[in-house]
Amino acid sequence: MFGVSRLSILSYGVSRSLLKCEQATVLTGKFPSILPTPGWRPLWTAPILSRNYEKRTSLKVKTDDGAQGEYSFTVMKDKLNDMYPDENTPNMLFDGVKFSDLHLLKIRITKNNTVMSVTDAKGKLIMNRSCRSEGFRHARKKTTIAAQATGMSLGTLMMQAGIKTVRAAIRGMGPGRIAGIKGIALSGVNVVAIADVTEINYTNDPRPKKLRRV
């Protein structure tokens, strides 16, 4: 047996002093391990490095636009023209109320949170809820489940206040785009129109953010 010092061991368990001594190493799988000698313990770091690699690969940034798991459907061509607003839309009646006089549901979506608020036709705030106010903290705030639970909670408050028909305006990109509307609909509120009012910069082409280092 060859004597090996503790400081001469490399990251994968190969000794500097035993690089030329093939008798002192044994290949086990993909990584070499040094034969134990009296007075020291072999350093086997392969499981640690492999675990760290698996952790880094599992933390890769995943993009979710809120449509994951949703189903698609086909719209008939003869009904397509009735889905878009025209000059007569503000005067249309929904449950006996003009479209222009309906309450407005505003949904602000970010990659980390979803905030919902209800205003009247003139823009006066009536009530609001968010994923944080529903008890979701840290990374759970940005999930679709949190957005749907927030929508159901706000919808329940709307039904108690007598607001049964609204028009929605969605702003921002994130996982809560579809889930928030679904939560409102599940609570019994009738959403008659959905508008996307996300800001788009047409003036210049800004440099995108650098990728997150994980």
C-alpha atoms as a PDB file:
ATOM      1  CA  MET A   1       0.000   0.000   0.000  1.00  0.00           C
ATOM      2  CA  PHE A   2       1.049   3.557  -0.643  1.00  0.00           C
ATOM      3  CA  GLY A   3       0.758   6.275   1.966  1.00  0.00           C
ATOM      4  CA  VAL A   4      -1.369   9.218   0.821  1.00  0.00           C
ATOM      5  CA  SER A   5      -1.741  12.587   2.528  1.00  0.00           C
ATOM      6  CA  ARG A   6      -5.134  14.204   2.988  1.00  0.00           C
ATOM      7  CA  LEU A   7      -4.149  17.334   1.049  1.00  0.00           C
ATOM      8  CA  SER A   8      -3.160  15.397  -2.039  1.00  0.00           C
ATOM      9  CA  ILE A   9      -6.679  14.264  -2.933  1.00  0.00           C
ATOM     10  CA  LEU A  10      -8.376  15.845  -5.921  1.00  0.00           C
ATOM     11  CA  SER A  11     -12.111  16.561  -6.335  1.00  0.00           C
ATOM     12  CA  TYR A  12     -12.971  13.108  -7.669  1.00  0.00           C
ATOM     13  CA  GLY A  13     -10.881  11.192  -5.160  1.00  0.00           C
ATOM     14  CA  VAL A  14      -7.688  10.887  -7.222  1.00  0.00           C
ATOM     15  CA  SER A  15      -4.441  11.541  -5.349  1.00  0.00           C
ATOM     16  CA  ARG A  16      -1.724  13.760  -6.837  1.00  0.00           C
ATOM     17  CA  SER A  17       0.967  11.479  -5.520  1.00  0.00           C
ATOM     18  CA  LEU A  18      -0.689   8.375  -6.940  1.00  0.00           C
ATOM     19  CA  LEU A  19      -1.391   9.551 -10.479  1.00  0.00           C
ATOM     20  CA  LYS A  20       1.319   7.244 -11.764  1.00  0.00           C
ATOM     21  CA  CYS A  21       0.442   4.379  -9.463  1.00  0.00           C
ATOM     22  CA  GLU A  22      -2.385   2.506 -11.102  1.00  0.00           C
ATOM     23  CA  GLN A  23      -2.282  -0.154  -8.402  1.00  0.00           C
ATOM     24  CA  ALA A  24      -3.621   2.272  -5.834  1.00  0.00           C
ATOM     25  CA  THR A  25      -6.840   3.174  -7.671  1.00  0.00           C
ATOM     26  CA  VAL A  26      -9.919   1.163  -8.466  1.00  0.00           C
ATOM     27  CA  LEU A  27     -12.428   2.249 -11.094  1.00  0.00           C
ATOM     28  CA  THR A  28     -15.918   2.035  -9.717  1.00  0.00           C
ATOM     29  CA  GLY A  29     -18.533   3.016 -12.289  1.00  0.00           C
ATOM     30  CA  LYS A  30     -17.593   6.360 -13.840  1.00  0.00           C
ATOM     31  CA  PHE A  31     -15.491   7.770 -11.006  1.00  0.00           C
ATOM     32  CA  PRO A  32     -12.212   6.457  -9.545  1.00  0.00           C
ATOM     33  CA  SER A  33     -11.845   5.874  -5.834  1.00  0.00           C
ATOM     34  CA  ILE A  34      -8.578   5.435  -3.936  1.00  0.00           C
ATOM     35  CA  LEU A  35      -7.832   2.311  -2.006  1.00  0.00           C
ATOM     36  CA  PRO A  36      -7.994   3.035   1.738  1.00  0.00           C
ATOM     37  CA  THR A  37      -4.792   2.988   3.717  1.00  0.00           C
ATOM     38  CA  PRO A  38      -4.326   3.014   7.488  1.00  0.00           C
ATOM     39  CA  GLY A  39      -4.577   6.422   9.078  1.00  0.00           C
ATOM     40  CA  TRP A  40      -6.758   8.226   6.529  1.00  0.00           C
ATOM     41  CA  ARG A  41     -10.217   8.043   5.006  1.00  0.00           C
ATOM     42  CA  PRO A  42     -10.744   8.176   1.227  1.00  0.00           C
ATOM     43  CA  LEU A  43     -12.559  11.245  -0.092  1.00  0.00           C
ATOM     44  CA  TRP A  44     -15.457  10.279  -2.346  1.00  0.00           C
ATOM     45  CA  THR A  45     -17.151  13.424  -3.660  1.00  0.00           C
ATOM     46  CA  ALA A  46     -18.970  11.966  -6.648  1.00  0.00           C
ATOM     47  CA  PRO A  47     -22.395  11.718  -4.904  1.00  0.00           C
ATOM     48  CA  ILE A  48     -22.092  15.303  -3.639  1.00  0.00           C
ATOM     49  CA  LEU A  49     -21.178  16.709  -7.045  1.00  0.00           C
ATOM     50  CA  SER A  50     -23.865  14.655  -8.744  1.00  0.00           C
ATOM     51  CA  ARG A  51     -26.463  15.908  -6.253  1.00  0.00           C
ATOM     52  CA  ASN A  52     -25.434  19.518  -6.844  1.00  0.00           C
ATOM     53  CA  TYR A  53     -25.690  19.003 -10.606  1.00  0.00           C
ATOM     54  CA  GLU A  54     -29.199  17.585 -10.283  1.00  0.00           C
ATOM     55  CA  LYS A  55     -30.198  20.529  -8.081  1.00  0.00           C
ATOM     56  CA  ARG A  56     -28.922  23.041 -10.643  1.00  0.00           C
ATOM     57  CA  THR A  57     -30.756  21.344 -13.496  1.00  0.00           C
ATOM     58  CA  SER A  58     -34.015  21.256 -11.507  1.00  0.00           C
ATOM     59  CA  LEU A  59     -33.803  25.000 -10.818  1.00  0.00           C
ATOM     60  CA  LYS A  60     -33.857  26.026 -14.468  1.00  0.00           C
ATOM     61  CA  VAL A  61     -36.211  28.907 -15.181  1.00  0.00           C
ATOM     62  CA  LYS A  62     -39.480  27.647 -16.636  1.00  0.00           C
ATOM     63  CA  THR A  63     -41.708  29.953 -18.637  1.00  0.00           C
ATOM     64  CA  ASP A  64     -45.442  29.783 -18.024  1.00  0.00           C
ATOM     65  CA  ASP A  65     -47.815  32.133 -19.820  1.00  0.00           C
ATOM     66  CA  GLY A  66     -50.806  30.909 -17.837  1.00  0.00           C
ATOM     67  CA  ALA A  67     -52.156  28.626 -20.560  1.00  0.00           C
ATOM     68  CA  GLN A  68     -50.467  25.441 -19.342  1.00  0.00           C
ATOM     69  CA  GLY A  69     -53.007  22.642 -19.031  1.00  0.00           C
ATOM     70  CA  GLU A  70     -55.821  24.568 -20.721  1.00  0.00           C
ATOM     71  CA  TYR A  71     -57.778  23.191 -23.670  1.00  0.00           C
ATOM     72  CA  SER A  72     -58.433  24.807 -27.024  1.00  0.00           C
ATOM     73  CA  PHE A  73     -61.688  24.938 -28.968  1.00  0.00           C
ATOM     74  CA  THR A  74     -62.792  25.852 -32.463  1.00  0.00           C
ATOM     75  CA  VAL A  75     -64.928  28.912 -33.140  1.00  0.00           C
ATOM     76  CA  MET A  76     -67.443  28.761 -35.964  1.00  0.00           C
ATOM     77  CA  LYS A  77     -66.872  31.305 -38.721  1.00  0.00           C
ATOM     78  CA  ASP A  78     -70.451  32.617 -38.655  1.00  0.00           C
ATOM     79  CA  LYS A  79     -70.156  33.402 -34.913  1.00  0.00           C
ATOM     80  CA  LEU A  80     -66.742  35.043 -35.192  1.00  0.00           C
ATOM     81  CA  ASN A  81     -68.092  38.494 -36.029  1.00  0.00           C
ATOM     82  CA  ASP A  82     -70.245  38.547 -32.887  1.00  0.00           C
ATOM     83  CA  MET A  83     -67.206  38.119 -30.631  1.00  0.00           C
ATOM     84  CA  TYR A  84     -65.540  41.463 -31.411  1.00  0.00           C
ATOM     85  CA  PRO A  85     -66.831  44.880 -30.266  1.00  0.00           C
ATOM     86  CA  ASP A  86     -68.256  47.418 -32.675  1.00  0.00           C
ATOM     87  CA  GLU A  87     -69.931  50.837 -32.480  1.00  0.00           C
ATOM     88  CA  ASN A  88     -73.048  49.311 -30.922  1.00  0.00           C
ATOM     89  CA  THR A  89     -71.249  47.502 -28.097  1.00  0.00           C
ATOM     90  CA  PRO A  90     -71.401  50.338 -25.476  1.00  0.00           C
ATOM     91  CA  ASN A  91     -75.202  50.417 -25.755  1.00  0.00           C
ATOM     92  CA  MET A  92     -75.705  46.659 -25.523  1.00  0.00           C
ATOM     93  CA  LEU A  93     -77.602  45.446 -22.459  1.00  0.00           C
ATOM     94  CA  PHE A  94     -76.240  42.739 -20.147  1.00  0.00           C
ATOM     95  CA  ASP A  95     -78.631  41.773 -17.332  1.00  0.00           C
ATOM     96  CA  GLY A  96     -80.426  45.064 -17.881  1.00  0.00           C
ATOM     97  CA  VAL A  97     -77.248  47.207 -17.630  1.00  0.00           C
ATOM     98  CA  LYS A  98     -75.459  48.967 -20.476  1.00  0.00           C
ATOM     99  CA  PHE A  99     -72.050  47.655 -21.369  1.00  0.00           C
ATOM    100  CA  SER A 100     -70.487  51.067 -20.718  1.00  0.00           C
ATOM    101  CA  ASP A 101     -72.016  51.127 -17.209  1.00  0.00           C
ATOM    102  CA  LEU A 102     -70.796  47.687 -16.137  1.00  0.00           C
ATOM    103  CA  HIS A 103     -68.277  47.305 -13.338  1.00  0.00           C
ATOM    104  CA  LEU A 104     -64.692  46.829 -14.465  1.00  0.00           C
ATOM    105  CA  LEU A 105     -62.554  43.976 -13.195  1.00  0.00           C
ATOM    106  CA  LYS A 106     -58.856  44.853 -13.428  1.00  0.00           C
ATOM    107  CA  ILE A 107     -56.308  42.053 -13.207  1.00  0.00           C
ATOM    108  CA  ARG A 108     -52.666  43.021 -12.861  1.00  0.00           C
ATOM    109  CA  ILE A 109     -50.388  40.066 -13.530  1.00  0.00           C
ATOM    110  CA  THR A 110     -46.659  39.841 -12.873  1.00  0.00           C
ATOM    111  CA  LYS A 111     -44.319  36.902 -12.847  1.00  0.00           C
ATOM    112  CA  ASN A 112     -44.460  36.781  -9.024  1.00  0.00           C
ATOM    113  CA  ASN A 113     -47.964  37.894  -8.073  1.00  0.00           C
ATOM    114  CA  THR A 114     -51.530  38.504  -9.259  1.00  0.00           C
ATOM    115  CA  VAL A 115     -53.538  41.529  -8.081  1.00  0.00           C
ATOM    116  CA  MET A 116     -57.262  41.947  -8.818  1.00  0.00           C
ATOM    117  CA  SER A 117     -59.486  44.961  -8.228  1.00  0.00           C
ATOM    118  CA  VAL A 118     -63.059  45.970  -9.023  1.00  0.00           C
ATOM    119  CA  THR A 119     -64.048  49.524  -9.962  1.00  0.00           C
ATOM    120  CA  ASP A 120     -67.228  51.149 -11.114  1.00  0.00           C
ATOM    121  CA  ALA A 121     -67.747  52.583 -14.592  1.00  0.00           C
ATOM    122  CA  LYS A 122     -66.077  55.858 -13.553  1.00  0.00           C
ATOM    123  CA  GLY A 123     -62.959  54.170 -12.158  1.00  0.00           C
ATOM    124  CA  LYS A 124     -63.697  54.386  -8.419  1.00  0.00           C
ATOM    125  CA  LEU A 125     -62.165  51.498  -6.486  1.00  0.00           C
ATOM    126  CA  ILE A 126     -64.657  49.216  -4.731  1.00  0.00           C
ATOM    127  CA  MET A 127     -62.636  46.189  -3.612  1.00  0.00           C
ATOM    128  CA  ASN A 128     -59.369  44.434  -4.331  1.00  0.00           C
ATOM    129  CA  ARG A 129     -57.606  41.176  -3.535  1.00  0.00           C
ATOM    130  CA  SER A 130     -54.193  39.688  -4.225  1.00  0.00           C
ATOM    131  CA  CYS A 131     -52.441  36.352  -3.862  1.00  0.00           C
ATOM    132  CA  ARG A 132     -50.544  37.696  -0.854  1.00  0.00           C
ATOM    133  CA  SER A 133     -53.735  38.745   0.897  1.00  0.00           C
ATOM    134  CA  GLU A 134     -55.080  35.210   0.379  1.00  0.00           C
ATOM    135  CA  GLY A 135     -52.224  33.739   2.416  1.00  0.00           C
ATOM    136  CA  PHE A 136     -49.860  32.684  -0.374  1.00  0.00           C
ATOM    137  CA  ARG A 137     -46.295  33.689   0.406  1.00  0.00           C
ATOM    138  CA  HIS A 138     -42.961  33.711  -1.399  1.00  0.00           C
ATOM    139  CA  ALA A 139     -42.873  31.443  -4.483  1.00  0.00           C
ATOM    140  CA  ARG A 140     -46.473  30.255  -4.030  1.00  0.00           C
ATOM    141  CA  LYS A 141     -47.822  33.680  -4.982  1.00  0.00           C
ATOM    142  CA  LYS A 142     -46.980  33.191  -8.653  1.00  0.00           C
ATOM    143  CA  THR A 143     -48.730  29.851  -9.117  1.00  0.00           C
ATOM    144  CA  THR A 144     -51.939  29.324 -11.050  1.00  0.00           C
ATOM    145  CA  ILE A 145     -53.584  27.867  -7.946  1.00  0.00           C
ATOM    146  CA  ALA A 146     -52.968  31.114  -6.064  1.00  0.00           C
ATOM    147  CA  ALA A 147     -54.434  33.187  -8.906  1.00  0.00           C
ATOM    148  CA  GLN A 148     -57.528  30.994  -9.130  1.00  0.00           C
ATOM    149  CA  ALA A 149     -58.061  31.103  -5.359  1.00  0.00           C
ATOM    150  CA  THR A 150     -57.744  34.906  -5.441  1.00  0.00           C
ATOM    151  CA  GLY A 151     -60.301  35.100  -8.248  1.00  0.00           C
ATOM    152  CA  MET A 152     -62.763  32.905  -6.357  1.00  0.00           C
ATOM    153  CA  SER A 153     -62.357  34.990  -3.205  1.00  0.00           C
ATOM    154  CA  LEU A 154     -62.904  38.264  -5.059  1.00  0.00           C
ATOM    155  CA  GLY A 155     -65.833  36.773  -6.967  1.00  0.00           C
ATOM    156  CA  THR A 156     -67.490  35.769  -3.708  1.00  0.00           C
ATOM    157  CA  LEU A 157     -67.146  39.320  -2.398  1.00  0.00           C
ATOM    158  CA  MET A 158     -68.581  40.637  -5.653  1.00  0.00           C
ATOM    159  CA  MET A 159     -71.607  38.369  -5.423  1.00  0.00           C
ATOM    160  CA  GLN A 160     -72.206  39.483  -1.834  1.00  0.00           C
ATOM    161  CA  ALA A 161     -72.055  43.113  -2.974  1.00  0.00           C
ATOM    162  CA  GLY A 162     -74.565  42.470  -5.763  1.00  0.00           C
ATOM    163  CA  ILE A 163     -72.051  42.684  -8.634  1.00  0.00           C
ATOM    164  CA  LYS A 164     -72.962  39.776 -10.909  1.00  0.00           C
ATOM    165  CA  THR A 165     -71.858  41.005 -14.341  1.00  0.00           C
ATOM    166  CA  VAL A 166     -68.481  42.589 -15.099  1.00  0.00           C
ATOM    167  CA  ARG A 167     -66.080  43.276 -17.935  1.00  0.00           C
ATOM    168  CA  ALA A 168     -62.452  42.342 -17.388  1.00  0.00           C
ATOM    169  CA  ALA A 169     -59.196  44.043 -18.335  1.00  0.00           C
ATOM    170  CA  ILE A 170     -55.984  42.016 -18.070  1.00  0.00           C
ATOM    171  CA  ARG A 171     -52.587  43.680 -17.872  1.00  0.00           C
ATOM    172  CA  GLY A 172     -49.249  41.921 -17.775  1.00  0.00           C
ATOM    173  CA  MET A 173     -47.849  38.478 -18.496  1.00  0.00           C
ATOM    174  CA  GLY A 174     -47.648  35.628 -16.044  1.00  0.00           C
ATOM    175  CA  PRO A 175     -49.171  32.366 -14.845  1.00  0.00           C
ATOM    176  CA  GLY A 176     -52.333  34.046 -13.508  1.00  0.00           C
ATOM    177  CA  ARG A 177     -53.815  35.245 -16.805  1.00  0.00           C
ATOM    178  CA  ILE A 178     -56.186  32.359 -17.410  1.00  0.00           C
ATOM    179  CA  ALA A 179     -56.419  31.107 -13.832  1.00  0.00           C
ATOM    180  CA  GLY A 180     -57.617  34.463 -12.478  1.00  0.00           C
ATOM    181  CA  ILE A 181     -60.493  34.677 -14.946  1.00  0.00           C
ATOM    182  CA  LYS A 182     -61.364  31.050 -14.249  1.00  0.00           C
ATOM    183  CA  GLY A 183     -61.592  31.737 -10.515  1.00  0.00           C
ATOM    184  CA  ILE A 184     -63.921  34.690 -11.131  1.00  0.00           C
ATOM    185  CA  ALA A 185     -66.146  32.579 -13.385  1.00  0.00           C
ATOM    186  CA  LEU A 186     -66.244  29.677 -10.898  1.00  0.00           C
ATOM    187  CA  SER A 187     -67.579  31.995  -8.200  1.00  0.00           C
ATOM    188  CA  GLY A 188     -70.675  32.719 -10.304  1.00  0.00           C
ATOM    189  CA  VAL A 189     -69.773  36.132 -11.738  1.00  0.00           C
ATOM    190  CA  ASN A 190     -70.634  36.609 -15.408  1.00  0.00           C
ATOM    191  CA  VAL A 191     -67.642  37.980 -17.354  1.00  0.00           C
ATOM    192  CA  VAL A 192     -69.074  39.387 -20.592  1.00  0.00           C
ATOM    193  CA  ALA A 193     -65.874  40.822 -22.100  1.00  0.00           C
ATOM    194  CA  ILE A 194     -62.119  40.323 -21.693  1.00  0.00           C
ATOM    195  CA  ALA A 195     -59.681  42.988 -22.876  1.00  0.00           C
ATOM    196  CA  ASP A 196     -55.900  42.740 -22.902  1.00  0.00           C
ATOM    197  CA  VAL A 197     -54.457  46.150 -22.012  1.00  0.00           C
ATOM    198  CA  THR A 198     -50.816  45.130 -21.612  1.00  0.00           C
ATOM    199  CA  GLU A 199     -48.428  47.963 -22.433  1.00  0.00           C
ATOM    200  CA  ILE A 200     -46.332  47.475 -25.555  1.00  0.00           C
ATOM    201  CA  ASN A 201     -43.314  49.653 -26.298  1.00  0.00           C
ATOM    202  CA  TYR A 202     -43.409  50.694 -29.954  1.00  0.00           C
ATOM    203  CA  THR A 203     -40.800  53.473 -29.735  1.00  0.00           C
ATOM    204  CA  ASN A 204     -37.536  51.550 -29.484  1.00  0.00           C
ATOM    205  CA  ASP A 205     -36.076  48.117 -28.971  1.00  0.00           C
ATOM    206  CA  PRO A 206     -34.764  47.922 -25.393  1.00  0.00           C
ATOM    207  CA  ARG A 207     -32.136  45.410 -24.478  1.00  0.00           C
ATOM    208  CA  PRO A 208     -33.686  42.368 -22.808  1.00  0.00           C
ATOM    209  CA  LYS A 209     -32.838  41.433 -19.251  1.00  0.00           C
ATOM    210  CA  LYS A 210     -29.942  39.096 -18.725  1.00  0.00           C
ATOM    211  CA  LEU A 211     -30.838  35.513 -17.953  1.00  0.00           C
ATOM    212  CA  ARG A 212     -31.093  34.531 -14.332  1.00  0.00           C
ATOM    213  CA  ARG A 213     -28.035  32.681 -13.081  1.00  0.00           C
ATOM    214  CA  VAL A 214     -29.013  29.626 -11.077  1.00  0.00           C
END
